[in-house]
Amino acid sequence: MQVVKGGILEVSVQTYGGGLWHTWFDRDLTVAGRVILRKEIAGSVSDSHRLVRLEEPIMRVPTLAIHLDSVNDGFKVNTQTNLLPILATSRKVIPHL
């Protein structure tokens, strides 16, 4: 994960093979996969794994609205920079006036 300008938390992802990448934009995304757990009890370490699947969407890969794009030759997807799902944005507390 990395925090970029404006307090946006993006999740690093890796694509595999070819894909219809434009279909991933502006959709709600969830998380699924294998989690490795490590326990240490009385100096003894044990590892285990669990499969997880979140039911509710927690991320989104945003795009610029087509009418705001100044380039008219089509959108070329860069999978390293354009397919980073946003997990969260920072919240600022505004003091009560």
PDB file of N, CA and C in Angstrom:
ATOM      1  N   MET A   1       0.843  -1.173   0.000  1.00  0.00           N
ATOM      2  CA  MET A   1       0.000   0.000   0.000  1.00  0.00           C
ATOM      3  C   MET A   1       0.885   1.230   0.000  1.00  0.00           C
ATOM      4  N   GLN A   2       0.373   2.261  -0.571  1.00  0.00           N
ATOM      5  CA  GLN A   2       1.114   3.513  -0.584  1.00  0.00           C
ATOM      6  C   GLN A   2       0.148   4.686  -0.485  1.00  0.00           C
ATOM      7  N   VAL A   3       0.603   5.725   0.200  1.00  0.00           N
ATOM      8  CA  VAL A   3      -0.188   6.938   0.306  1.00  0.00           C
ATOM      9  C   VAL A   3       0.356   7.930  -0.708  1.00  0.00           C
ATOM     10  N   VAL A   4      -0.515   8.465  -1.521  1.00  0.00           N
ATOM     11  CA  VAL A   4      -0.103   9.430  -2.538  1.00  0.00           C
ATOM     12  C   VAL A   4      -0.661  10.802  -2.184  1.00  0.00           C
ATOM     13  N   LYS A   5      -0.410  11.771  -3.056  1.00  0.00           N
ATOM     14  CA  LYS A   5      -0.856  13.140  -2.813  1.00  0.00           C
ATOM     15  C   LYS A   5      -2.324  13.201  -2.424  1.00  0.00           C
ATOM     16  N   GLY A   6      -2.620  14.107  -1.528  1.00  0.00           N
ATOM     17  CA  GLY A   6      -4.005  14.306  -1.131  1.00  0.00           C
ATOM     18  C   GLY A   6      -4.492  13.320  -0.089  1.00  0.00           C
ATOM     19  N   GLY A   7      -3.612  12.516   0.498  1.00  0.00           N
ATOM     20  CA  GLY A   7      -4.019  11.582   1.536  1.00  0.00           C
ATOM     21  C   GLY A   7      -4.795  10.385   1.037  1.00  0.00           C
ATOM     22  N   ILE A   8      -4.598   9.996  -0.206  1.00  0.00           N
ATOM     23  CA  ILE A   8      -5.299   8.840  -0.776  1.00  0.00           C
ATOM     24  C   ILE A   8      -4.454   7.591  -0.546  1.00  0.00           C
ATOM     25  N   LEU A   9      -5.066   6.535  -0.018  1.00  0.00           N
ATOM     26  CA  LEU A   9      -4.372   5.274   0.215  1.00  0.00           C
ATOM     27  C   LEU A   9      -4.685   4.327  -0.934  1.00  0.00           C
ATOM     28  N   GLU A  10      -3.659   3.996  -1.725  1.00  0.00           N
ATOM     29  CA  GLU A  10      -3.826   3.089  -2.858  1.00  0.00           C
ATOM     30  C   GLU A  10      -3.234   1.732  -2.522  1.00  0.00           C
ATOM     31  N   VAL A  11      -3.805   0.682  -3.084  1.00  0.00           N
ATOM     32  CA  VAL A  11      -3.335  -0.681  -2.881  1.00  0.00           C
ATOM     33  C   VAL A  11      -2.550  -1.102  -4.114  1.00  0.00           C
ATOM     34  N   SER A  12      -1.334  -1.596  -3.903  1.00  0.00           N
ATOM     35  CA  SER A  12      -0.535  -2.089  -5.025  1.00  0.00           C
ATOM     36  C   SER A  12      -1.107  -3.419  -5.497  1.00  0.00           C
ATOM     37  N   VAL A  13      -1.267  -3.562  -6.795  1.00  0.00           N
ATOM     38  CA  VAL A  13      -1.787  -4.794  -7.370  1.00  0.00           C
ATOM     39  C   VAL A  13      -0.894  -5.216  -8.528  1.00  0.00           C
ATOM     40  N   GLN A  14      -0.990  -6.465  -8.908  1.00  0.00           N
ATOM     41  CA  GLN A  14      -0.214  -6.995 -10.023  1.00  0.00           C
ATOM     42  C   GLN A  14      -1.167  -7.662 -10.999  1.00  0.00           C
ATOM     43  N   THR A  15      -1.084  -7.271 -12.254  1.00  0.00           N
ATOM     44  CA  THR A  15      -1.919  -7.917 -13.265  1.00  0.00           C
ATOM     45  C   THR A  15      -1.235  -9.191 -13.748  1.00  0.00           C
ATOM     46  N   TYR A  16      -2.018 -10.072 -14.311  1.00  0.00           N
ATOM     47  CA  TYR A  16      -1.496 -11.334 -14.815  1.00  0.00           C
ATOM     48  C   TYR A  16      -2.042 -11.541 -16.217  1.00  0.00           C
ATOM     49  N   GLY A  17      -1.145 -11.637 -17.174  1.00  0.00           N
ATOM     50  CA  GLY A  17      -1.564 -11.867 -18.554  1.00  0.00           C
ATOM     51  C   GLY A  17      -2.246 -10.665 -19.161  1.00  0.00           C
ATOM     52  N   GLY A  18      -2.928 -10.888 -20.256  1.00  0.00           N
ATOM     53  CA  GLY A  18      -3.669  -9.816 -20.903  1.00  0.00           C
ATOM     54  C   GLY A  18      -5.045  -9.696 -20.277  1.00  0.00           C
ATOM     55  N   GLY A  19      -5.652  -8.577 -20.456  1.00  0.00           N
ATOM     56  CA  GLY A  19      -6.968  -8.400 -19.863  1.00  0.00           C
ATOM     57  C   GLY A  19      -7.720  -7.250 -20.498  1.00  0.00           C
ATOM     58  N   LEU A  20      -8.991  -7.219 -20.269  1.00  0.00           N
ATOM     59  CA  LEU A  20      -9.814  -6.092 -20.684  1.00  0.00           C
ATOM     60  C   LEU A  20      -9.825  -5.107 -19.516  1.00  0.00           C
ATOM     61  N   TRP A  21      -8.716  -4.376 -19.378  1.00  0.00           N
ATOM     62  CA  TRP A  21      -8.488  -3.561 -18.191  1.00  0.00           C
ATOM     63  C   TRP A  21      -9.516  -2.454 -18.021  1.00  0.00           C
ATOM     64  N   HIS A  22     -10.047  -1.922 -19.094  1.00  0.00           N
ATOM     65  CA  HIS A  22     -11.026  -0.839 -18.964  1.00  0.00           C
ATOM     66  C   HIS A  22     -12.295  -1.285 -18.238  1.00  0.00           C
ATOM     67  N   THR A  23     -12.543  -2.593 -18.163  1.00  0.00           N
ATOM     68  CA  THR A  23     -13.739  -3.075 -17.467  1.00  0.00           C
ATOM     69  C   THR A  23     -13.587  -3.017 -15.944  1.00  0.00           C
ATOM     70  N   TRP A  24     -12.373  -2.778 -15.447  1.00  0.00           N
ATOM     71  CA  TRP A  24     -12.132  -2.702 -14.007  1.00  0.00           C
ATOM     72  C   TRP A  24     -12.388  -1.306 -13.445  1.00  0.00           C
ATOM     73  N   PHE A  25     -12.507  -0.300 -14.301  1.00  0.00           N
ATOM     74  CA  PHE A  25     -12.644   1.073 -13.826  1.00  0.00           C
ATOM     75  C   PHE A  25     -14.054   1.368 -13.332  1.00  0.00           C
ATOM     76  N   ASP A  26     -14.117   2.214 -12.306  1.00  0.00           N
ATOM     77  CA  ASP A  26     -15.370   2.722 -11.748  1.00  0.00           C
ATOM     78  C   ASP A  26     -16.331   1.619 -11.312  1.00  0.00           C
ATOM     79  N   ARG A  27     -15.762   0.575 -10.719  1.00  0.00           N
ATOM     80  CA  ARG A  27     -16.564  -0.525 -10.170  1.00  0.00           C
ATOM     81  C   ARG A  27     -16.157  -0.738  -8.723  1.00  0.00           C
ATOM     82  N   ASP A  28     -17.110  -1.147  -7.913  1.00  0.00           N
ATOM     83  CA  ASP A  28     -16.802  -1.487  -6.528  1.00  0.00           C
ATOM     84  C   ASP A  28     -16.050  -2.813  -6.505  1.00  0.00           C
ATOM     85  N   LEU A  29     -14.998  -2.874  -5.683  1.00  0.00           N
ATOM     86  CA  LEU A  29     -14.167  -4.075  -5.596  1.00  0.00           C
ATOM     87  C   LEU A  29     -14.097  -4.553  -4.152  1.00  0.00           C
ATOM     88  N   THR A  30     -13.989  -5.855  -3.996  1.00  0.00           N
ATOM     89  CA  THR A  30     -13.816  -6.452  -2.685  1.00  0.00           C
ATOM     90  C   THR A  30     -12.444  -7.127  -2.641  1.00  0.00           C
ATOM     91  N   VAL A  31     -12.170  -7.865  -1.592  1.00  0.00           N
ATOM     92  CA  VAL A  31     -10.875  -8.520  -1.427  1.00  0.00           C
ATOM     93  C   VAL A  31     -11.114  -9.990  -1.122  1.00  0.00           C
ATOM     94  N   ALA A  32     -10.301 -10.846  -1.728  1.00  0.00           N
ATOM     95  CA  ALA A  32     -10.342 -12.277  -1.432  1.00  0.00           C
ATOM     96  C   ALA A  32      -8.937 -12.829  -1.599  1.00  0.00           C
ATOM     97  N   GLY A  33      -8.609 -13.855  -0.834  1.00  0.00           N
ATOM     98  CA  GLY A  33      -7.292 -14.463  -0.969  1.00  0.00           C
ATOM     99  C   GLY A  33      -6.892 -15.229   0.273  1.00  0.00           C
ATOM    100  N   ARG A  34      -5.622 -15.542   0.345  1.00  0.00           N
ATOM    101  CA  ARG A  34      -5.073 -16.316   1.452  1.00  0.00           C
ATOM    102  C   ARG A  34      -4.281 -15.386   2.372  1.00  0.00           C
ATOM    103  N   VAL A  35      -4.536 -15.510   3.671  1.00  0.00           N
ATOM    104  CA  VAL A  35      -3.835 -14.725   4.684  1.00  0.00           C
ATOM    105  C   VAL A  35      -2.986 -15.679   5.509  1.00  0.00           C
ATOM    106  N   ILE A  36      -1.722 -15.321   5.690  1.00  0.00           N
ATOM    107  CA  ILE A  36      -0.815 -16.117   6.518  1.00  0.00           C
ATOM    108  C   ILE A  36      -0.799 -15.513   7.920  1.00  0.00           C
ATOM    109  N   LEU A  37      -1.045 -16.342   8.919  1.00  0.00           N
ATOM    110  CA  LEU A  37      -1.061 -15.907  10.313  1.00  0.00           C
ATOM    111  C   LEU A  37       0.121 -16.509  11.049  1.00  0.00           C
ATOM    112  N   ARG A  38       0.756 -15.716  11.887  1.00  0.00           N
ATOM    113  CA  ARG A  38       1.878 -16.207  12.685  1.00  0.00           C
ATOM    114  C   ARG A  38       1.549 -15.983  14.153  1.00  0.00           C
ATOM    115  N   LYS A  39       1.619 -17.049  14.944  1.00  0.00           N
ATOM    116  CA  LYS A  39       1.357 -16.981  16.384  1.00  0.00           C
ATOM    117  C   LYS A  39       2.632 -17.307  17.136  1.00  0.00           C
ATOM    118  N   GLU A  40       2.834 -16.563  18.209  1.00  0.00           N
ATOM    119  CA  GLU A  40       3.952 -16.880  19.095  1.00  0.00           C
ATOM    120  C   GLU A  40       3.385 -17.082  20.491  1.00  0.00           C
ATOM    121  N   ILE A  41       3.521 -18.306  20.978  1.00  0.00           N
ATOM    122  CA  ILE A  41       3.032 -18.647  22.313  1.00  0.00           C
ATOM    123  C   ILE A  41       4.174 -19.277  23.088  1.00  0.00           C
ATOM    124  N   ALA A  42       4.523 -18.655  24.184  1.00  0.00           N
ATOM    125  CA  ALA A  42       5.587 -19.154  25.069  1.00  0.00           C
ATOM    126  C   ALA A  42       6.872 -19.442  24.296  1.00  0.00           C
ATOM    127  N   GLY A  43       7.240 -18.549  23.390  1.00  0.00           N
ATOM    128  CA  GLY A  43       8.485 -18.698  22.643  1.00  0.00           C
ATOM    129  C   GLY A  43       8.404 -19.616  21.442  1.00  0.00           C
ATOM    130  N   SER A  44       7.291 -20.301  21.269  1.00  0.00           N
ATOM    131  CA  SER A  44       7.111 -21.187  20.126  1.00  0.00           C
ATOM    132  C   SER A  44       6.308 -20.463  19.041  1.00  0.00           C
ATOM    133  N   VAL A  45       6.802 -20.512  17.806  1.00  0.00           N
ATOM    134  CA  VAL A  45       6.152 -19.822  16.690  1.00  0.00           C
ATOM    135  C   VAL A  45       5.478 -20.849  15.787  1.00  0.00           C
ATOM    136  N   SER A  46       4.223 -20.567  15.424  1.00  0.00           N
ATOM    137  CA  SER A  46       3.530 -21.444  14.482  1.00  0.00           C
ATOM    138  C   SER A  46       2.840 -20.587  13.429  1.00  0.00           C
ATOM    139  N   ASP A  47       2.836 -21.087  12.214  1.00  0.00           N
ATOM    140  CA  ASP A  47       2.189 -20.400  11.102  1.00  0.00           C
ATOM    141  C   ASP A  47       0.951 -21.185  10.673  1.00  0.00           C
ATOM    142  N   SER A  48      -0.057 -20.458  10.263  1.00  0.00           N
ATOM    143  CA  SER A  48      -1.251 -21.082   9.705  1.00  0.00           C
ATOM    144  C   SER A  48      -1.782 -20.166   8.611  1.00  0.00           C
ATOM    145  N   HIS A  49      -2.747 -20.650   7.875  1.00  0.00           N
ATOM    146  CA  HIS A  49      -3.318 -19.817   6.818  1.00  0.00           C
ATOM    147  C   HIS A  49      -4.835 -19.941   6.828  1.00  0.00           C
ATOM    148  N   ARG A  50      -5.451 -18.887   6.328  1.00  0.00           N
ATOM    149  CA  ARG A  50      -6.906 -18.845   6.221  1.00  0.00           C
ATOM    150  C   ARG A  50      -7.272 -18.238   4.876  1.00  0.00           C
ATOM    151  N   LEU A  51      -8.359 -18.702   4.311  1.00  0.00           N
ATOM    152  CA  LEU A  51      -8.901 -18.064   3.118  1.00  0.00           C
ATOM    153  C   LEU A  51      -9.895 -17.007   3.577  1.00  0.00           C
ATOM    154  N   VAL A  52      -9.806 -15.824   2.980  1.00  0.00           N
ATOM    155  CA  VAL A  52     -10.712 -14.742   3.350  1.00  0.00           C
ATOM    156  C   VAL A  52     -11.442 -14.234   2.116  1.00  0.00           C
ATOM    157  N   ARG A  53     -12.644 -13.747   2.358  1.00  0.00           N
ATOM    158  CA  ARG A  53     -13.421 -13.101   1.297  1.00  0.00           C
ATOM    159  C   ARG A  53     -14.325 -12.083   1.961  1.00  0.00           C
ATOM    160  N   LEU A  54     -14.093 -10.822   1.667  1.00  0.00           N
ATOM    161  CA  LEU A  54     -14.950  -9.771   2.199  1.00  0.00           C
ATOM    162  C   LEU A  54     -16.191  -9.673   1.333  1.00  0.00           C
ATOM    163  N   GLU A  55     -17.330  -9.624   1.955  1.00  0.00           N
ATOM    164  CA  GLU A  55     -18.593  -9.574   1.216  1.00  0.00           C
ATOM    165  C   GLU A  55     -18.861  -8.188   0.639  1.00  0.00           C
ATOM    166  N   GLU A  56     -18.549  -7.162   1.401  1.00  0.00           N
ATOM    167  CA  GLU A  56     -18.846  -5.791   0.982  1.00  0.00           C
ATOM    168  C   GLU A  56     -17.669  -5.198   0.214  1.00  0.00           C
ATOM    169  N   PRO A  57     -17.935  -4.403  -0.802  1.00  0.00           N
ATOM    170  CA  PRO A  57     -16.843  -3.753  -1.535  1.00  0.00           C
ATOM    171  C   PRO A  57     -16.164  -2.697  -0.667  1.00  0.00           C
ATOM    172  N   ILE A  58     -14.835  -2.616  -0.776  1.00  0.00           N
ATOM    173  CA  ILE A  58     -14.078  -1.653   0.018  1.00  0.00           C
ATOM    174  C   ILE A  58     -13.147  -0.796  -0.835  1.00  0.00           C
ATOM    175  N   MET A  59     -13.063  -1.066  -2.140  1.00  0.00           N
ATOM    176  CA  MET A  59     -12.139  -0.330  -3.000  1.00  0.00           C
ATOM    177  C   MET A  59     -12.806   0.028  -4.317  1.00  0.00           C
ATOM    178  N   ARG A  60     -12.136   0.908  -5.056  1.00  0.00           N
ATOM    179  CA  ARG A  60     -12.618   1.321  -6.372  1.00  0.00           C
ATOM    180  C   ARG A  60     -11.412   1.818  -7.168  1.00  0.00           C
ATOM    181  N   VAL A  61     -11.407   1.531  -8.481  1.00  0.00           N
ATOM    182  CA  VAL A  61     -10.390   2.055  -9.396  1.00  0.00           C
ATOM    183  C   VAL A  61     -11.059   3.187 -10.186  1.00  0.00           C
ATOM    184  N   PRO A  62     -10.764   4.447  -9.825  1.00  0.00           N
ATOM    185  CA  PRO A  62     -11.450   5.562 -10.479  1.00  0.00           C
ATOM    186  C   PRO A  62     -10.823   5.934 -11.820  1.00  0.00           C
ATOM    187  N   THR A  63     -11.608   6.584 -12.668  1.00  0.00           N
ATOM    188  CA  THR A  63     -11.091   7.164 -13.913  1.00  0.00           C
ATOM    189  C   THR A  63     -11.627   8.576 -14.051  1.00  0.00           C
ATOM    190  N   LEU A  64     -10.961   9.309 -14.891  1.00  0.00           N
ATOM    191  CA  LEU A  64     -11.400  10.655 -15.215  1.00  0.00           C
ATOM    192  C   LEU A  64     -12.591  10.563 -16.156  1.00  0.00           C
ATOM    193  N   ALA A  65     -13.590  11.379 -15.915  1.00  0.00           N
ATOM    194  CA  ALA A  65     -14.762  11.386 -16.797  1.00  0.00           C
ATOM    195  C   ALA A  65     -14.325  11.695 -18.226  1.00  0.00           C
ATOM    196  N   ILE A  66     -14.924  11.019 -19.195  1.00  0.00           N
ATOM    197  CA  ILE A  66     -14.481  11.117 -20.582  1.00  0.00           C
ATOM    198  C   ILE A  66     -14.538  12.552 -21.111  1.00  0.00           C
ATOM    199  N   HIS A  67     -15.494  13.344 -20.658  1.00  0.00           N
ATOM    200  CA  HIS A  67     -15.594  14.716 -21.151  1.00  0.00           C
ATOM    201  C   HIS A  67     -14.540  15.641 -20.530  1.00  0.00           C
ATOM    202  N   LEU A  68     -13.824  15.180 -19.488  1.00  0.00           N
ATOM    203  CA  LEU A  68     -12.755  15.973 -18.888  1.00  0.00           C
ATOM    204  C   LEU A  68     -11.382  15.623 -19.451  1.00  0.00           C
ATOM    205  N   ASP A  69     -11.293  14.573 -20.243  1.00  0.00           N
ATOM    206  CA  ASP A  69     -10.023  14.152 -20.839  1.00  0.00           C
ATOM    207  C   ASP A  69      -9.737  15.008 -22.065  1.00  0.00           C
ATOM    208  N   SER A  70      -8.580  15.688 -22.042  1.00  0.00           N
ATOM    209  CA  SER A  70      -8.258  16.598 -23.152  1.00  0.00           C
ATOM    210  C   SER A  70      -7.650  15.876 -24.349  1.00  0.00           C
ATOM    211  N   VAL A  71      -7.239  14.628 -24.170  1.00  0.00           N
ATOM    212  CA  VAL A  71      -6.644  13.866 -25.269  1.00  0.00           C
ATOM    213  C   VAL A  71      -7.754  13.079 -25.962  1.00  0.00           C
ATOM    214  N   ASN A  72      -7.858  13.198 -27.263  1.00  0.00           N
ATOM    215  CA  ASN A  72      -8.953  12.560 -28.001  1.00  0.00           C
ATOM    216  C   ASN A  72      -8.552  11.281 -28.722  1.00  0.00           C
ATOM    217  N   ASP A  73      -7.358  10.754 -28.444  1.00  0.00           N
ATOM    218  CA  ASP A  73      -6.917   9.552 -29.165  1.00  0.00           C
ATOM    219  C   ASP A  73      -7.184   8.263 -28.387  1.00  0.00           C
ATOM    220  N   GLY A  74      -8.036   8.316 -27.392  1.00  0.00           N
ATOM    221  CA  GLY A  74      -8.372   7.112 -26.629  1.00  0.00           C
ATOM    222  C   GLY A  74      -7.509   6.980 -25.389  1.00  0.00           C
ATOM    223  N   PHE A  75      -8.029   6.283 -24.417  1.00  0.00           N
ATOM    224  CA  PHE A  75      -7.344   6.085 -23.146  1.00  0.00           C
ATOM    225  C   PHE A  75      -6.516   4.812 -23.210  1.00  0.00           C
ATOM    226  N   LYS A  76      -5.215   4.932 -23.038  1.00  0.00           N
ATOM    227  CA  LYS A  76      -4.305   3.782 -23.022  1.00  0.00           C
ATOM    228  C   LYS A  76      -4.033   3.429 -21.558  1.00  0.00           C
ATOM    229  N   VAL A  77      -4.407   2.236 -21.143  1.00  0.00           N
ATOM    230  CA  VAL A  77      -4.267   1.823 -19.746  1.00  0.00           C
ATOM    231  C   VAL A  77      -2.823   1.456 -19.444  1.00  0.00           C
ATOM    232  N   ASN A  78      -2.246   2.111 -18.438  1.00  0.00           N
ATOM    233  CA  ASN A  78      -0.950   1.742 -17.888  1.00  0.00           C
ATOM    234  C   ASN A  78      -1.256   0.960 -16.615  1.00  0.00           C
ATOM    235  N   THR A  79      -1.050  -0.352 -16.638  1.00  0.00           N
ATOM    236  CA  THR A  79      -1.456  -1.195 -15.510  1.00  0.00           C
ATOM    237  C   THR A  79      -0.680  -0.877 -14.236  1.00  0.00           C
ATOM    238  N   GLN A  80       0.503  -0.272 -14.343  1.00  0.00           N
ATOM    239  CA  GLN A  80       1.296   0.064 -13.161  1.00  0.00           C
ATOM    240  C   GLN A  80       0.774   1.301 -12.441  1.00  0.00           C
ATOM    241  N   THR A  81       0.157   2.222 -13.172  1.00  0.00           N
ATOM    242  CA  THR A  81      -0.282   3.475 -12.555  1.00  0.00           C
ATOM    243  C   THR A  81      -1.792   3.681 -12.586  1.00  0.00           C
ATOM    244  N   ASN A  82      -2.480   3.128 -13.554  1.00  0.00           N
ATOM    245  CA  ASN A  82      -3.917   3.381 -13.698  1.00  0.00           C
ATOM    246  C   ASN A  82      -4.803   2.366 -12.992  1.00  0.00           C
ATOM    247  N   LEU A  83      -4.278   1.208 -12.630  1.00  0.00           N
ATOM    248  CA  LEU A  83      -5.108   0.164 -12.017  1.00  0.00           C
ATOM    249  C   LEU A  83      -4.897   0.031 -10.509  1.00  0.00           C
ATOM    250  N   LEU A  84      -4.556   1.117  -9.836  1.00  0.00           N
ATOM    251  CA  LEU A  84      -4.356   1.074  -8.392  1.00  0.00           C
ATOM    252  C   LEU A  84      -5.676   1.399  -7.688  1.00  0.00           C
ATOM    253  N   PRO A  85      -6.285   0.407  -7.025  1.00  0.00           N
ATOM    254  CA  PRO A  85      -7.546   0.673  -6.333  1.00  0.00           C
ATOM    255  C   PRO A  85      -7.341   1.617  -5.150  1.00  0.00           C
ATOM    256  N   ILE A  86      -8.295   2.496  -4.940  1.00  0.00           N
ATOM    257  CA  ILE A  86      -8.270   3.383  -3.778  1.00  0.00           C
ATOM    258  C   ILE A  86      -8.974   2.671  -2.635  1.00  0.00           C
ATOM    259  N   LEU A  87      -8.256   2.556  -1.510  1.00  0.00           N
ATOM    260  CA  LEU A  87      -8.802   1.903  -0.324  1.00  0.00           C
ATOM    261  C   LEU A  87      -9.421   2.925   0.625  1.00  0.00           C
ATOM    262  N   ALA A  88      -8.789   4.078   0.751  1.00  0.00           N
ATOM    263  CA  ALA A  88      -9.288   5.079   1.694  1.00  0.00           C
ATOM    264  C   ALA A  88      -8.757   6.453   1.331  1.00  0.00           C
ATOM    265  N   THR A  89      -9.394   7.448   1.885  1.00  0.00           N
ATOM    266  CA  THR A  89      -8.898   8.818   1.814  1.00  0.00           C
ATOM    267  C   THR A  89      -8.786   9.323   3.240  1.00  0.00           C
ATOM    268  N   SER A  90      -7.872  10.241   3.455  1.00  0.00           N
ATOM    269  CA  SER A  90      -7.697  10.756   4.807  1.00  0.00           C
ATOM    270  C   SER A  90      -8.857  11.668   5.174  1.00  0.00           C
ATOM    271  N   ARG A  91      -9.123  11.709   6.437  1.00  0.00           N
ATOM    272  CA  ARG A  91     -10.177  12.592   6.927  1.00  0.00           C
ATOM    273  C   ARG A  91      -9.525  13.661   7.780  1.00  0.00           C
ATOM    274  N   LYS A  92      -9.945  14.873   7.599  1.00  0.00           N
ATOM    275  CA  LYS A  92      -9.421  15.969   8.402  1.00  0.00           C
ATOM    276  C   LYS A  92     -10.508  16.431   9.358  1.00  0.00           C
ATOM    277  N   VAL A  93     -10.108  16.665  10.588  1.00  0.00           N
ATOM    278  CA  VAL A  93     -11.043  17.167  11.581  1.00  0.00           C
ATOM    279  C   VAL A  93     -11.056  18.681  11.480  1.00  0.00           C
ATOM    280  N   ILE A  94     -12.226  19.239  11.275  1.00  0.00           N
ATOM    281  CA  ILE A  94     -12.375  20.690  11.214  1.00  0.00           C
ATOM    282  C   ILE A  94     -12.875  21.148  12.577  1.00  0.00           C
ATOM    283  N   PRO A  95     -12.083  21.992  13.242  1.00  0.00           N
ATOM    284  CA  PRO A  95     -12.508  22.441  14.575  1.00  0.00           C
ATOM    285  C   PRO A  95     -13.853  23.165  14.506  1.00  0.00           C
ATOM    286  N   HIS A  96     -14.660  22.915  15.497  1.00  0.00           N
ATOM    287  CA  HIS A  96     -15.975  23.571  15.564  1.00  0.00           C
ATOM    288  C   HIS A  96     -15.772  25.054  15.831  1.00  0.00           C
ATOM    289  N   LEU A  97     -16.384  25.888  15.022  1.00  0.00           N
ATOM    290  CA  LEU A  97     -16.239  27.342  15.170  1.00  0.00           C
ATOM    291  C   LEU A  97     -17.299  27.914  16.060  1.00  0.00           C
TER     292      LEU A  97
END
